[in-house]
Amino acid sequence: MLFNEKLIQRRKEKGMTQEELAERLSVSRQTVSKWENGDCMPDADKFIRLSDILEISLDELAGREVEVEPIVLPAPEVPQPKKKLRCLLAAAAACLVIGAACFCLGRYAFPAAAPAGTAAPQATVQKLELPGTLTVSGLSYTLGLKGDGMAFGFVSNAAVDGTVFFYSTDGYGPYRFEAKYANGAYTTESIPQGRYSKAVFVVRDGDWERSALLATDILIDSDGASWTNVD
């Protein structure tokens, strides 16, 4: 299910109108309508607030299926048998262990020869498949940890750690910055002040790679940051 479909479904489940949701988010009703029509995506801050207001995880809200691991209950405790019965059980267990050891020794230490022309089975390695098309949205910034740059946040469908490459307008670079994934959103390292022609988000898994243009005409200075969004 896509983000806009999940937003409509969850809002109705909570019994909220577009106006009520917009008021709680401090945005206009038209903005909520654009989200639900799929015309645009909320920025990272609004995305997190939507998750809190609608009481839904960021992964579910973004349209990703959430796997629920089965609950394994501990095995019930078995009452301890009496002393004589314990001795009999111990003897039986010892026989079973010896028998199993002999079986394994005969099977694995002296395996039967494979028929002529039969190839040995090959181990298969499964690779994590990245999304066919990498998407990014909701770019925002906060003051970096060192106070001399900006950390950027955004939303993507990759759901794995990635890297953002900033290309300087003077031809140097690209400069590489880690983008960590947590709670359905990404946060980069602190980006130094300067002017950059573009920023590209890249995720990799072995030989597989996906990339998406994050923003262009980026300016980071002591007053904040500005950029041109990518349609």
Protein backbone atom coordinates (compact mmCIF):
# COMPACT_ATOMS: atom_id res chain seq x y z
CA MET A 1 0.00 0.00 0.00
CA LEU A 2 1.35 3.44 -0.96
CA PHE A 3 1.93 6.24 1.56
CA ASN A 4 -1.10 8.32 0.46
CA GLU A 5 -3.42 5.29 0.61
CA LYS A 6 -2.14 4.35 4.07
CA LEU A 7 -2.59 7.97 5.25
CA ILE A 8 -6.25 8.03 4.09
CA GLN A 9 -6.96 4.62 5.63
CA ARG A 10 -5.39 5.44 9.00
CA ARG A 11 -6.97 8.91 9.24
CA LYS A 12 -10.44 7.41 8.69
CA GLU A 13 -9.72 4.62 11.19
CA LYS A 14 -8.93 7.31 13.78
CA GLY A 15 -12.21 9.11 12.88
CA MET A 16 -10.43 12.33 11.84
CA THR A 17 -11.28 14.74 9.04
CA GLN A 18 -8.65 16.41 6.85
CA GLU A 19 -9.30 19.69 8.70
CA GLU A 20 -8.75 18.07 12.12
CA LEU A 21 -5.52 16.41 11.00
CA ALA A 22 -4.28 19.64 9.38
CA GLU A 23 -4.97 21.61 12.57
CA ARG A 24 -2.98 19.20 14.71
CA LEU A 25 -0.07 19.38 12.24
CA SER A 26 -0.27 23.21 11.95
CA VAL A 27 -0.69 22.97 8.16
CA SER A 28 -3.55 23.82 5.78
CA ARG A 29 -6.24 21.33 4.79
CA GLN A 30 -5.06 21.70 1.18
CA THR A 31 -1.64 20.39 2.23
CA VAL A 32 -3.20 17.26 3.75
CA SER A 33 -5.32 16.87 0.60
CA LYS A 34 -2.17 17.01 -1.59
CA TRP A 35 -0.53 14.30 0.53
CA GLU A 36 -3.58 12.06 0.21
CA ASN A 37 -3.84 12.68 -3.55
CA GLY A 38 -0.18 11.70 -3.95
CA ASP A 39 0.80 15.14 -5.29
CA CYS A 40 3.63 15.56 -2.75
CA MET A 41 5.18 14.05 0.36
CA PRO A 42 5.53 15.59 3.86
CA ASP A 43 8.99 16.57 5.06
CA ALA A 44 10.78 14.46 7.67
CA ASP A 45 9.42 16.42 10.68
CA LYS A 46 5.79 16.27 9.47
CA PHE A 47 6.23 12.59 8.59
CA ILE A 48 7.28 11.79 12.16
CA ARG A 49 4.43 13.88 13.63
CA LEU A 50 1.94 12.05 11.38
CA SER A 51 3.23 8.77 12.80
CA ASP A 52 2.67 10.01 16.37
CA ILE A 53 -0.81 11.51 15.76
CA LEU A 54 -2.13 8.51 13.82
CA GLU A 55 -0.42 6.03 16.20
CA ILE A 56 1.28 4.08 13.41
CA SER A 57 4.92 3.16 12.87
CA LEU A 58 6.97 5.06 10.31
CA ASP A 59 7.56 1.86 8.33
CA GLU A 60 3.81 1.13 8.06
CA LEU A 61 3.02 4.76 7.21
CA ALA A 62 5.65 4.70 4.43
CA GLY A 63 3.88 1.67 2.92
CA ARG A 64 6.39 -1.00 3.92
CA GLU A 65 5.09 -4.33 5.13
CA VAL A 66 5.99 -5.01 8.76
CA GLU A 67 6.77 -8.61 9.57
CA VAL A 68 5.60 -9.78 12.99
CA GLU A 69 7.84 -12.43 14.46
CA PRO A 70 6.02 -15.30 16.18
CA ILE A 71 6.07 -15.37 19.98
CA VAL A 72 7.80 -18.49 21.25
CA LEU A 73 6.60 -19.52 24.69
CA PRO A 74 9.06 -21.28 27.01
CA ALA A 75 8.58 -25.01 27.42
CA PRO A 76 6.74 -25.97 30.61
CA GLU A 77 8.88 -27.26 33.41
CA VAL A 78 8.78 -31.02 33.89
CA PRO A 79 8.58 -32.21 37.51
CA GLN A 80 11.76 -33.98 38.66
CA PRO A 81 11.34 -37.81 38.86
CA LYS A 82 12.23 -39.76 41.95
CA LYS A 83 15.77 -40.98 42.51
CA LYS A 84 15.33 -44.53 41.10
CA LEU A 85 13.44 -43.28 38.07
CA ARG A 86 16.14 -40.65 37.48
CA CYS A 87 18.78 -43.39 37.38
CA LEU A 88 16.79 -45.37 34.78
CA LEU A 89 16.27 -42.28 32.65
CA ALA A 90 19.97 -41.39 32.88
CA ALA A 91 20.94 -44.89 31.73
CA ALA A 92 18.49 -44.73 28.82
CA ALA A 93 19.78 -41.31 27.81
CA ALA A 94 23.38 -42.58 27.88
CA CYS A 95 22.42 -45.43 25.55
CA LEU A 96 20.74 -43.03 23.17
CA VAL A 97 23.80 -40.75 23.13
CA ILE A 98 26.15 -43.65 22.42
CA GLY A 99 23.86 -44.94 19.66
CA ALA A 100 23.61 -41.50 18.07
CA ALA A 101 27.39 -41.05 18.21
CA CYS A 102 27.93 -44.38 16.46
CA PHE A 103 25.36 -43.49 13.80
CA CYS A 104 26.97 -40.08 13.11
CA LEU A 105 30.46 -41.61 13.05
CA GLY A 106 29.39 -44.18 10.48
CA ARG A 107 27.52 -41.68 8.33
CA TYR A 108 29.77 -38.61 8.37
CA ALA A 109 33.23 -39.96 9.14
CA PHE A 110 32.84 -42.68 6.48
CA PRO A 111 30.30 -41.29 3.98
CA ALA A 112 29.08 -43.48 1.15
CA ALA A 113 30.67 -42.75 -2.20
CA ALA A 114 28.52 -40.68 -4.53
CA PRO A 115 27.47 -42.33 -7.83
CA ALA A 116 29.75 -41.62 -10.77
CA GLY A 117 28.90 -38.42 -12.63
CA THR A 118 26.97 -36.91 -9.67
CA ALA A 119 28.06 -33.35 -8.88
CA ALA A 120 28.35 -32.19 -5.28
CA PRO A 121 25.56 -29.83 -4.22
CA GLN A 122 26.55 -26.16 -4.41
CA ALA A 123 25.74 -23.68 -1.65
CA THR A 124 23.51 -20.81 -2.73
CA VAL A 125 24.00 -17.24 -1.56
CA GLN A 126 20.97 -14.95 -1.48
CA LYS A 127 21.53 -11.24 -2.01
CA LEU A 128 19.37 -8.53 -0.48
CA GLU A 129 17.42 -6.93 -3.34
CA LEU A 130 17.36 -3.15 -3.25
CA PRO A 131 14.22 -1.34 -4.50
CA GLY A 132 13.99 -1.12 -8.28
CA THR A 133 13.60 2.66 -8.13
CA LEU A 134 15.14 4.70 -5.30
CA THR A 135 12.94 7.59 -4.13
CA VAL A 136 13.75 10.53 -1.81
CA SER A 137 11.59 13.33 -0.36
CA GLY A 138 11.06 15.64 2.61
CA LEU A 139 14.55 17.20 2.69
CA SER A 140 15.15 19.34 5.82
CA TYR A 141 18.17 20.47 7.86
CA THR A 142 19.30 21.03 11.43
CA LEU A 143 22.44 22.57 12.94
CA GLY A 144 25.30 20.07 12.85
CA LEU A 145 26.81 18.60 15.99
CA LYS A 146 30.00 20.65 15.60
CA GLY A 147 28.06 23.87 15.03
CA ASP A 148 29.92 24.66 11.79
CA GLY A 149 27.64 22.91 9.29
CA MET A 150 24.24 21.33 8.72
CA ALA A 151 22.87 17.81 9.13
CA PHE A 152 20.21 16.94 6.56
CA GLY A 153 17.21 14.65 7.05
CA PHE A 154 14.97 13.03 4.43
CA VAL A 155 12.72 10.05 3.69
CA SER A 156 13.50 7.23 1.24
CA ASN A 157 12.17 3.79 0.32
CA ALA A 158 15.61 2.14 0.67
CA ALA A 159 15.33 1.38 4.43
CA VAL A 160 19.11 0.69 4.74
CA ASP A 161 22.07 2.89 5.62
CA GLY A 162 23.42 4.85 2.66
CA THR A 163 25.77 7.63 1.57
CA VAL A 164 25.16 11.20 0.35
CA PHE A 165 27.70 12.68 -2.10
CA PHE A 166 27.94 16.50 -2.23
CA TYR A 167 29.51 17.99 -5.39
CA SER A 168 31.19 21.36 -4.93
CA THR A 169 30.53 24.15 -7.45
CA ASP A 170 34.29 24.71 -7.77
CA GLY A 171 34.76 21.24 -9.25
CA TYR A 172 36.20 19.53 -6.16
CA GLY A 173 34.74 16.38 -4.65
CA PRO A 174 32.44 14.64 -4.49
CA TYR A 175 32.50 14.74 -0.70
CA ARG A 176 31.12 11.64 0.98
CA PHE A 177 28.87 11.73 4.07
CA GLU A 178 27.17 8.80 5.79
CA ALA A 179 23.33 8.78 5.92
CA LYS A 180 22.01 6.64 8.76
CA TYR A 181 18.53 5.05 8.60
CA ALA A 182 16.41 4.95 11.78
CA ASN A 183 12.67 5.05 12.53
CA GLY A 184 11.71 5.41 8.86
CA ALA A 185 13.91 8.45 8.10
CA TYR A 186 17.53 9.32 7.25
CA THR A 187 19.97 11.70 8.95
CA THR A 188 23.34 12.68 7.45
CA GLU A 189 26.56 13.67 9.12
CA SER A 190 27.24 17.39 9.58
CA ILE A 191 27.90 18.96 6.13
CA PRO A 192 30.47 21.83 6.17
CA GLN A 193 29.47 25.31 5.07
CA GLY A 194 29.86 25.97 1.35
CA ARG A 195 28.11 25.99 -2.01
CA TYR A 196 27.36 22.67 -3.74
CA SER A 197 26.01 22.01 -7.21
CA LYS A 198 24.09 18.88 -6.21
CA ALA A 199 23.67 16.11 -3.60
CA VAL A 200 23.15 12.46 -4.61
CA PHE A 201 21.88 9.71 -2.27
CA VAL A 202 23.41 6.24 -2.89
CA VAL A 203 22.71 2.82 -1.34
CA ARG A 204 24.74 -0.32 -2.04
CA ASP A 205 24.57 -4.04 -1.28
CA GLY A 206 27.57 -5.89 -2.64
CA ASP A 207 27.57 -5.43 -6.42
CA TRP A 208 24.10 -3.80 -6.39
CA GLU A 209 23.71 -0.02 -6.29
CA ARG A 210 20.85 2.49 -6.48
CA SER A 211 21.11 6.30 -6.54
CA ALA A 212 18.75 9.28 -6.54
CA LEU A 213 19.29 13.02 -6.90
CA LEU A 214 18.51 14.62 -3.54
CA ALA A 215 18.81 18.38 -4.27
CA THR A 216 20.62 20.96 -6.45
CA ASP A 217 22.01 24.50 -5.97
CA ILE A 218 22.75 23.92 -2.27
CA LEU A 219 24.06 26.75 -0.08
CA ILE A 220 25.10 26.17 3.55
CA ASP A 221 26.21 29.15 5.64
CA SER A 222 25.95 30.47 9.21
CA ASP A 223 22.33 31.57 8.60
CA GLY A 224 21.12 28.11 7.58
CA ALA A 225 20.76 26.24 4.31
CA SER A 226 18.88 26.60 1.01
CA TRP A 227 18.54 24.37 -2.04
CA THR A 228 16.39 23.53 -5.05
CA ASN A 229 14.14 20.52 -4.60
CA VAL A 230 14.11 17.76 -7.20
CA ASP A 231 10.70 17.08 -8.78
